[in-house]
Amino acid sequence: MDAGDRSAALGSLVVAVDGTSGSGKSSTCRAVADRLGLRYLDTGAMYRAVAWWMLQHDVDVHDPEAVAARADAPRLVSGTDPLAPTITLDDVDVSTEIRSDAVNAAVSPVSAVPAVRSRLVDLQRSIIDGGGIVVEGRDIGSVVWPDAGLKVYLTADPAARAARRAAEAGSSDVTATRESLLNRDRIDSSRAVAPLTMPDGAVHVDSTDLTLDEVVDLVVGLATAPADA
């Protein structure tokens, strides 16, 4: 394959990266998209944004019917620049607000509501359509885009995930962070709609003992490998 053909192939490629919280999906996906000149979509941020909107509008996030009744209300736009991803609600950038502890606690119950998932999956598919994008989430290769050209399932040991997430948050309570991550795993893996699972055909990457650069190199290598390799 010459350079032109490879560029054309990448321009239509969908890289689906699923996996557990704290395993390095965001950093990996943004770096891979930047290296390959592709767009980037953080579907988790979309669910966080809806959870934040529900909290701001005094919707009980533990009441599925109440959440479903307002699922279509937020005006949500996801930016796809890997170097400066944005998420806006009603024309306001909420990239910082959606990383709060309150949203951490609310996102799993909100994302488990079928009406929320249906709306966001439709939006995600409209963004992915045409390819040339790296997409991270928990059901991309299994539900959102099962025909992705490359599927990666990224995990890490719970202790490593907790240490990374606590460092990102500037917290010294690694034990509490670990319990929060494991609880999120339990909820996401057991929900009735689109549970967290390794998609058929996915390459399992355990990042526990790998640096970020090593994970990025591995995924870039998979994305650019000849089709008959």
C-alpha atoms as a PDB file:
ATOM      1  CA  MET A   1       0.000   0.000   0.000  1.00  0.00           C
ATOM      2  CA  ASP A   2       1.516   3.344  -1.008  1.00  0.00           C
ATOM      3  CA  ALA A   3       1.282   6.549   1.043  1.00  0.00           C
ATOM      4  CA  GLY A   4      -1.818   7.757  -0.783  1.00  0.00           C
ATOM      5  CA  ASP A   5      -3.674   4.512  -0.268  1.00  0.00           C
ATOM      6  CA  ARG A   6      -2.659   4.395   3.399  1.00  0.00           C
ATOM      7  CA  SER A   7      -3.887   7.967   3.916  1.00  0.00           C
ATOM      8  CA  ALA A   8      -7.202   7.133   2.263  1.00  0.00           C
ATOM      9  CA  ALA A   9      -7.576   4.046   4.437  1.00  0.00           C
ATOM     10  CA  LEU A  10      -6.937   6.035   7.597  1.00  0.00           C
ATOM     11  CA  GLY A  11      -9.400   8.668   6.429  1.00  0.00           C
ATOM     12  CA  SER A  12     -12.217   6.137   6.582  1.00  0.00           C
ATOM     13  CA  LEU A  13     -10.951   4.136   9.560  1.00  0.00           C
ATOM     14  CA  VAL A  14     -12.921   3.870  12.802  1.00  0.00           C
ATOM     15  CA  VAL A  15     -10.822   2.912  15.833  1.00  0.00           C
ATOM     16  CA  ALA A  16     -13.080   1.792  18.690  1.00  0.00           C
ATOM     17  CA  VAL A  17     -11.436   1.767  22.113  1.00  0.00           C
ATOM     18  CA  ASP A  18     -13.504   0.328  24.950  1.00  0.00           C
ATOM     19  CA  GLY A  19     -12.465  -0.552  28.469  1.00  0.00           C
ATOM     20  CA  THR A  20     -12.593   0.123  32.163  1.00  0.00           C
ATOM     21  CA  SER A  21     -12.358   3.487  33.922  1.00  0.00           C
ATOM     22  CA  GLY A  22      -8.813   4.598  34.671  1.00  0.00           C
ATOM     23  CA  SER A  23      -7.176   2.285  32.160  1.00  0.00           C
ATOM     24  CA  GLY A  24      -5.871   5.188  30.077  1.00  0.00           C
ATOM     25  CA  LYS A  25      -8.484   5.345  27.310  1.00  0.00           C
ATOM     26  CA  SER A  26      -8.662   9.134  27.016  1.00  0.00           C
ATOM     27  CA  SER A  27      -4.925   9.798  26.947  1.00  0.00           C
ATOM     28  CA  THR A  28      -4.366   6.899  24.565  1.00  0.00           C
ATOM     29  CA  CYS A  29      -7.149   7.829  22.169  1.00  0.00           C
ATOM     30  CA  ARG A  30      -6.239  11.499  22.000  1.00  0.00           C
ATOM     31  CA  ALA A  31      -2.585  10.677  21.301  1.00  0.00           C
ATOM     32  CA  VAL A  32      -3.449   8.035  18.697  1.00  0.00           C
ATOM     33  CA  ALA A  33      -5.840  10.395  16.913  1.00  0.00           C
ATOM     34  CA  ASP A  34      -3.219  13.150  16.907  1.00  0.00           C
ATOM     35  CA  ARG A  35      -0.499  10.823  15.596  1.00  0.00           C
ATOM     36  CA  LEU A  36      -2.720   9.527  12.790  1.00  0.00           C
ATOM     37  CA  GLY A  37      -4.386  12.848  11.935  1.00  0.00           C
ATOM     38  CA  LEU A  38      -7.837  11.558  12.867  1.00  0.00           C
ATOM     39  CA  ARG A  39     -10.781  13.003  14.747  1.00  0.00           C
ATOM     40  CA  TYR A  40     -11.467  12.017  18.350  1.00  0.00           C
ATOM     41  CA  LEU A  41     -14.689  11.358  20.241  1.00  0.00           C
ATOM     42  CA  ASP A  42     -15.027  10.843  23.992  1.00  0.00           C
ATOM     43  CA  THR A  43     -18.444   9.220  24.395  1.00  0.00           C
ATOM     44  CA  GLY A  44     -18.003   9.056  28.158  1.00  0.00           C
ATOM     45  CA  ALA A  45     -17.926  12.854  28.242  1.00  0.00           C
ATOM     46  CA  MET A  46     -21.309  12.868  26.530  1.00  0.00           C
ATOM     47  CA  TYR A  47     -22.843  10.756  29.284  1.00  0.00           C
ATOM     48  CA  ARG A  48     -21.134  12.900  31.897  1.00  0.00           C
ATOM     49  CA  ALA A  49     -22.568  16.011  30.278  1.00  0.00           C
ATOM     50  CA  VAL A  50     -26.099  14.645  30.408  1.00  0.00           C
ATOM     51  CA  ALA A  51     -25.578  13.638  34.052  1.00  0.00           C
ATOM     52  CA  TRP A  52     -24.344  17.159  34.842  1.00  0.00           C
ATOM     53  CA  TRP A  53     -27.376  18.658  33.089  1.00  0.00           C
ATOM     54  CA  MET A  54     -29.726  16.453  35.118  1.00  0.00           C
ATOM     55  CA  LEU A  55     -28.073  17.554  38.351  1.00  0.00           C
ATOM     56  CA  GLN A  56     -28.274  21.209  37.337  1.00  0.00           C
ATOM     57  CA  HIS A  57     -31.994  20.838  36.615  1.00  0.00           C
ATOM     58  CA  ASP A  58     -32.759  19.032  39.881  1.00  0.00           C
ATOM     59  CA  VAL A  59     -33.636  15.737  38.210  1.00  0.00           C
ATOM     60  CA  ASP A  60     -33.291  12.736  40.536  1.00  0.00           C
ATOM     61  CA  VAL A  61     -30.575  10.751  38.759  1.00  0.00           C
ATOM     62  CA  HIS A  62     -31.624   7.605  40.612  1.00  0.00           C
ATOM     63  CA  ASP A  63     -35.147   7.815  39.166  1.00  0.00           C
ATOM     64  CA  PRO A  64     -34.934   6.267  35.673  1.00  0.00           C
ATOM     65  CA  GLU A  65     -38.370   7.559  34.670  1.00  0.00           C
ATOM     66  CA  ALA A  66     -37.478  11.122  35.664  1.00  0.00           C
ATOM     67  CA  VAL A  67     -34.202  10.940  33.746  1.00  0.00           C
ATOM     68  CA  ALA A  68     -35.906   9.414  30.697  1.00  0.00           C
ATOM     69  CA  ALA A  69     -38.504  12.185  30.669  1.00  0.00           C
ATOM     70  CA  ARG A  70     -35.759  14.811  30.237  1.00  0.00           C
ATOM     71  CA  ALA A  71     -33.337  12.801  28.087  1.00  0.00           C
ATOM     72  CA  ASP A  72     -34.036  14.810  24.937  1.00  0.00           C
ATOM     73  CA  ALA A  73     -33.790  18.220  26.610  1.00  0.00           C
ATOM     74  CA  PRO A  74     -30.022  18.928  26.740  1.00  0.00           C
ATOM     75  CA  ARG A  75     -28.534  20.518  23.601  1.00  0.00           C
ATOM     76  CA  LEU A  76     -25.251  18.645  23.379  1.00  0.00           C
ATOM     77  CA  VAL A  77     -22.327  19.206  21.011  1.00  0.00           C
ATOM     78  CA  SER A  78     -19.055  17.221  21.101  1.00  0.00           C
ATOM     79  CA  GLY A  79     -15.900  18.678  19.584  1.00  0.00           C
ATOM     80  CA  THR A  80     -13.601  16.197  17.809  1.00  0.00           C
ATOM     81  CA  ASP A  81     -10.185  17.916  17.924  1.00  0.00           C
ATOM     82  CA  PRO A  82      -7.891  15.493  19.810  1.00  0.00           C
ATOM     83  CA  LEU A  83      -5.689  18.344  21.025  1.00  0.00           C
ATOM     84  CA  ALA A  84      -8.588  20.434  22.323  1.00  0.00           C
ATOM     85  CA  PRO A  85     -11.728  18.313  22.758  1.00  0.00           C
ATOM     86  CA  THR A  86     -14.799  20.193  23.914  1.00  0.00           C
ATOM     87  CA  ILE A  87     -18.228  19.297  25.218  1.00  0.00           C
ATOM     88  CA  THR A  88     -20.916  21.962  25.248  1.00  0.00           C
ATOM     89  CA  LEU A  89     -24.384  21.979  26.753  1.00  0.00           C
ATOM     90  CA  ASP A  90     -26.822  24.649  25.631  1.00  0.00           C
ATOM     91  CA  ASP A  91     -23.869  26.494  24.041  1.00  0.00           C
ATOM     92  CA  VAL A  92     -21.768  26.471  27.246  1.00  0.00           C
ATOM     93  CA  ASP A  93     -18.480  24.523  27.478  1.00  0.00           C
ATOM     94  CA  VAL A  94     -18.757  22.190  30.483  1.00  0.00           C
ATOM     95  CA  SER A  95     -15.507  20.277  29.985  1.00  0.00           C
ATOM     96  CA  THR A  96     -14.369  21.076  33.522  1.00  0.00           C
ATOM     97  CA  GLU A  97     -17.714  20.772  35.294  1.00  0.00           C
ATOM     98  CA  ILE A  98     -18.364  17.216  34.088  1.00  0.00           C
ATOM     99  CA  ARG A  99     -15.291  15.924  35.956  1.00  0.00           C
ATOM    100  CA  SER A 100     -16.679  16.764  39.407  1.00  0.00           C
ATOM    101  CA  ASP A 101     -17.281  14.231  42.176  1.00  0.00           C
ATOM    102  CA  ALA A 102     -21.030  14.814  41.869  1.00  0.00           C
ATOM    103  CA  VAL A 103     -20.958  13.830  38.213  1.00  0.00           C
ATOM    104  CA  ASN A 104     -18.727  10.841  38.999  1.00  0.00           C
ATOM    105  CA  ALA A 105     -21.483   9.573  41.277  1.00  0.00           C
ATOM    106  CA  ALA A 106     -24.314  10.361  38.871  1.00  0.00           C
ATOM    107  CA  VAL A 107     -22.988   9.205  35.504  1.00  0.00           C
ATOM    108  CA  SER A 108     -23.523   5.446  35.931  1.00  0.00           C
ATOM    109  CA  PRO A 109     -27.225   5.599  36.872  1.00  0.00           C
ATOM    110  CA  VAL A 110     -27.892   8.202  34.171  1.00  0.00           C
ATOM    111  CA  SER A 111     -26.038   6.249  31.475  1.00  0.00           C
ATOM    112  CA  ALA A 112     -27.991   3.103  32.351  1.00  0.00           C
ATOM    113  CA  VAL A 113     -31.300   4.724  31.331  1.00  0.00           C
ATOM    114  CA  PRO A 114     -32.301   3.341  27.896  1.00  0.00           C
ATOM    115  CA  ALA A 115     -33.694   6.692  26.688  1.00  0.00           C
ATOM    116  CA  VAL A 116     -30.365   8.379  27.400  1.00  0.00           C
ATOM    117  CA  ARG A 117     -28.362   5.655  25.692  1.00  0.00           C
ATOM    118  CA  SER A 118     -30.652   5.638  22.657  1.00  0.00           C
ATOM    119  CA  ARG A 119     -30.332   9.375  22.166  1.00  0.00           C
ATOM    120  CA  LEU A 120     -26.565   9.472  22.656  1.00  0.00           C
ATOM    121  CA  VAL A 121     -25.868   6.394  20.535  1.00  0.00           C
ATOM    122  CA  ASP A 122     -27.743   8.041  17.648  1.00  0.00           C
ATOM    123  CA  LEU A 123     -25.661  11.194  18.126  1.00  0.00           C
ATOM    124  CA  GLN A 124     -22.430   9.210  18.362  1.00  0.00           C
ATOM    125  CA  ARG A 125     -23.201   7.328  15.155  1.00  0.00           C
ATOM    126  CA  SER A 126     -23.873  10.589  13.323  1.00  0.00           C
ATOM    127  CA  ILE A 127     -20.439  11.870  14.390  1.00  0.00           C
ATOM    128  CA  ILE A 128     -18.621   8.616  13.585  1.00  0.00           C
ATOM    129  CA  ASP A 129     -20.256   8.268  10.151  1.00  0.00           C
ATOM    130  CA  GLY A 130     -17.656   8.598   7.408  1.00  0.00           C
ATOM    131  CA  GLY A 131     -14.823   7.393   9.607  1.00  0.00           C
ATOM    132  CA  GLY A 132     -11.441   8.960  10.192  1.00  0.00           C
ATOM    133  CA  ILE A 133     -11.978   8.897  13.943  1.00  0.00           C
ATOM    134  CA  VAL A 134     -10.809   7.336  17.202  1.00  0.00           C
ATOM    135  CA  VAL A 135     -13.719   6.722  19.567  1.00  0.00           C
ATOM    136  CA  GLU A 136     -13.484   5.827  23.245  1.00  0.00           C
ATOM    137  CA  GLY A 137     -16.192   4.424  25.452  1.00  0.00           C
ATOM    138  CA  ARG A 138     -17.640   1.260  26.920  1.00  0.00           C
ATOM    139  CA  ASP A 139     -19.864  -0.049  24.136  1.00  0.00           C
ATOM    140  CA  ILE A 140     -18.330   1.341  20.942  1.00  0.00           C
ATOM    141  CA  GLY A 141     -17.127  -1.909  19.383  1.00  0.00           C
ATOM    142  CA  SER A 142     -20.067  -3.926  20.706  1.00  0.00           C
ATOM    143  CA  VAL A 143     -23.042  -1.598  20.114  1.00  0.00           C
ATOM    144  CA  VAL A 144     -22.294   1.846  18.698  1.00  0.00           C
ATOM    145  CA  TRP A 145     -20.036   0.826  15.788  1.00  0.00           C
ATOM    146  CA  PRO A 146     -19.548  -2.963  15.668  1.00  0.00           C
ATOM    147  CA  ASP A 147     -18.039  -2.718  12.168  1.00  0.00           C
ATOM    148  CA  ALA A 148     -15.083  -0.625  13.378  1.00  0.00           C
ATOM    149  CA  GLY A 149     -11.914  -1.364  11.436  1.00  0.00           C
ATOM    150  CA  LEU A 150      -9.958  -1.700  14.673  1.00  0.00           C
ATOM    151  CA  LYS A 151     -11.363  -2.631  18.064  1.00  0.00           C
ATOM    152  CA  VAL A 152      -9.249  -2.327  21.207  1.00  0.00           C
ATOM    153  CA  TYR A 153     -10.266  -3.340  24.723  1.00  0.00           C
ATOM    154  CA  LEU A 154      -8.058  -1.463  27.178  1.00  0.00           C
ATOM    155  CA  THR A 155      -7.765  -2.559  30.791  1.00  0.00           C
ATOM    156  CA  ALA A 156      -5.364  -2.301  33.716  1.00  0.00           C
ATOM    157  CA  ASP A 157      -5.004  -3.749  37.192  1.00  0.00           C
ATOM    158  CA  PRO A 158      -7.402  -2.009  39.652  1.00  0.00           C
ATOM    159  CA  ALA A 159      -4.512  -0.793  41.809  1.00  0.00           C
ATOM    160  CA  ALA A 160      -2.791   0.820  38.827  1.00  0.00           C
ATOM    161  CA  ARG A 161      -6.048   2.371  37.638  1.00  0.00           C
ATOM    162  CA  ALA A 162      -6.747   3.811  41.082  1.00  0.00           C
ATOM    163  CA  ALA A 163      -3.266   5.278  41.401  1.00  0.00           C
ATOM    164  CA  ARG A 164      -3.557   6.962  37.996  1.00  0.00           C
ATOM    165  CA  ARG A 165      -7.032   8.339  38.632  1.00  0.00           C
ATOM    166  CA  ALA A 166      -6.121   9.612  42.105  1.00  0.00           C
ATOM    167  CA  ALA A 167      -3.041  11.339  40.681  1.00  0.00           C
ATOM    168  CA  GLU A 168      -5.145  12.985  37.979  1.00  0.00           C
ATOM    169  CA  ALA A 169      -7.569  14.259  40.624  1.00  0.00           C
ATOM    170  CA  GLY A 170      -4.819  15.364  42.986  1.00  0.00           C
ATOM    171  CA  SER A 171      -6.092  12.964  45.655  1.00  0.00           C
ATOM    172  CA  SER A 172      -4.063  10.880  48.095  1.00  0.00           C
ATOM    173  CA  ASP A 173      -6.939   8.521  48.902  1.00  0.00           C
ATOM    174  CA  VAL A 174      -6.125   5.731  46.469  1.00  0.00           C
ATOM    175  CA  THR A 175      -8.242   3.197  48.374  1.00  0.00           C
ATOM    176  CA  ALA A 176     -11.428   5.242  48.014  1.00  0.00           C
ATOM    177  CA  THR A 177     -10.630   5.862  44.347  1.00  0.00           C
ATOM    178  CA  ARG A 178     -10.159   2.127  43.794  1.00  0.00           C
ATOM    179  CA  GLU A 179     -13.512   1.318  45.381  1.00  0.00           C
ATOM    180  CA  SER A 180     -15.199   3.995  43.266  1.00  0.00           C
ATOM    181  CA  LEU A 181     -13.696   2.552  40.066  1.00  0.00           C
ATOM    182  CA  LEU A 182     -14.666  -1.004  40.959  1.00  0.00           C
ATOM    183  CA  ASN A 183     -18.202   0.115  41.756  1.00  0.00           C
ATOM    184  CA  ARG A 184     -18.391   1.835  38.380  1.00  0.00           C
ATOM    185  CA  ASP A 185     -17.184  -1.388  36.740  1.00  0.00           C
ATOM    186  CA  ARG A 186     -19.890  -3.395  38.511  1.00  0.00           C
ATOM    187  CA  ILE A 187     -22.646  -1.019  37.452  1.00  0.00           C
ATOM    188  CA  ASP A 188     -21.442  -0.718  33.844  1.00  0.00           C
ATOM    189  CA  SER A 189     -20.890  -4.460  33.441  1.00  0.00           C
ATOM    190  CA  SER A 190     -24.258  -5.479  34.871  1.00  0.00           C
ATOM    191  CA  ARG A 191     -26.603  -2.915  33.350  1.00  0.00           C
ATOM    192  CA  ALA A 192     -29.359  -4.304  31.139  1.00  0.00           C
ATOM    193  CA  VAL A 193     -28.614  -2.043  28.160  1.00  0.00           C
ATOM    194  CA  ALA A 194     -25.217  -2.139  26.400  1.00  0.00           C
ATOM    195  CA  PRO A 195     -23.130  -3.462  29.300  1.00  0.00           C
ATOM    196  CA  LEU A 196     -19.372  -3.060  29.396  1.00  0.00           C
ATOM    197  CA  THR A 197     -17.893  -6.090  27.651  1.00  0.00           C
ATOM    198  CA  MET A 198     -14.991  -6.950  25.378  1.00  0.00           C
ATOM    199  CA  PRO A 199     -16.337  -6.717  21.807  1.00  0.00           C
ATOM    200  CA  ASP A 200     -15.984  -9.601  19.365  1.00  0.00           C
ATOM    201  CA  GLY A 201     -12.754  -9.224  17.437  1.00  0.00           C
ATOM    202  CA  ALA A 202     -11.191  -6.730  19.842  1.00  0.00           C
ATOM    203  CA  VAL A 203      -7.497  -6.721  20.698  1.00  0.00           C
ATOM    204  CA  HIS A 204      -7.108  -6.857  24.488  1.00  0.00           C
ATOM    205  CA  VAL A 205      -4.436  -4.474  25.748  1.00  0.00           C
ATOM    206  CA  ASP A 206      -3.467  -4.570  29.431  1.00  0.00           C
ATOM    207  CA  SER A 207      -1.785  -1.244  30.211  1.00  0.00           C
ATOM    208  CA  THR A 208      -0.789  -2.095  33.805  1.00  0.00           C
ATOM    209  CA  ASP A 209       2.925  -2.393  33.063  1.00  0.00           C
ATOM    210  CA  LEU A 210       3.034  -0.208  29.959  1.00  0.00           C
ATOM    211  CA  THR A 211       3.804   3.486  29.662  1.00  0.00           C
ATOM    212  CA  LEU A 212       1.373   5.729  27.802  1.00  0.00           C
ATOM    213  CA  ASP A 213       3.812   5.993  24.878  1.00  0.00           C
ATOM    214  CA  GLU A 214       4.045   2.212  24.688  1.00  0.00           C
ATOM    215  CA  VAL A 215       0.254   1.832  24.574  1.00  0.00           C
ATOM    216  CA  VAL A 216      -0.033   4.555  21.933  1.00  0.00           C
ATOM    217  CA  ASP A 217       2.701   2.954  19.812  1.00  0.00           C
ATOM    218  CA  LEU A 218       0.918  -0.394  20.056  1.00  0.00           C
ATOM    219  CA  VAL A 219      -2.468   1.003  18.947  1.00  0.00           C
ATOM    220  CA  VAL A 220      -0.928   3.096  16.161  1.00  0.00           C
ATOM    221  CA  GLY A 221       0.866  -0.030  14.968  1.00  0.00           C
ATOM    222  CA  LEU A 222      -2.398  -1.967  14.884  1.00  0.00           C
ATOM    223  CA  ALA A 223      -4.139   0.855  13.010  1.00  0.00           C
ATOM    224  CA  THR A 224      -1.455   1.143  10.353  1.00  0.00           C
ATOM    225  CA  ALA A 225      -0.629  -2.542   9.903  1.00  0.00           C
ATOM    226  CA  PRO A 226      -1.212  -3.903   6.388  1.00  0.00           C
ATOM    227  CA  ALA A 227      -4.630  -5.538   6.048  1.00  0.00           C
ATOM    228  CA  ASP A 228      -3.060  -8.897   5.237  1.00  0.00           C
ATOM    229  CA  ALA A 229      -0.541  -8.758   8.114  1.00  0.00           C
END
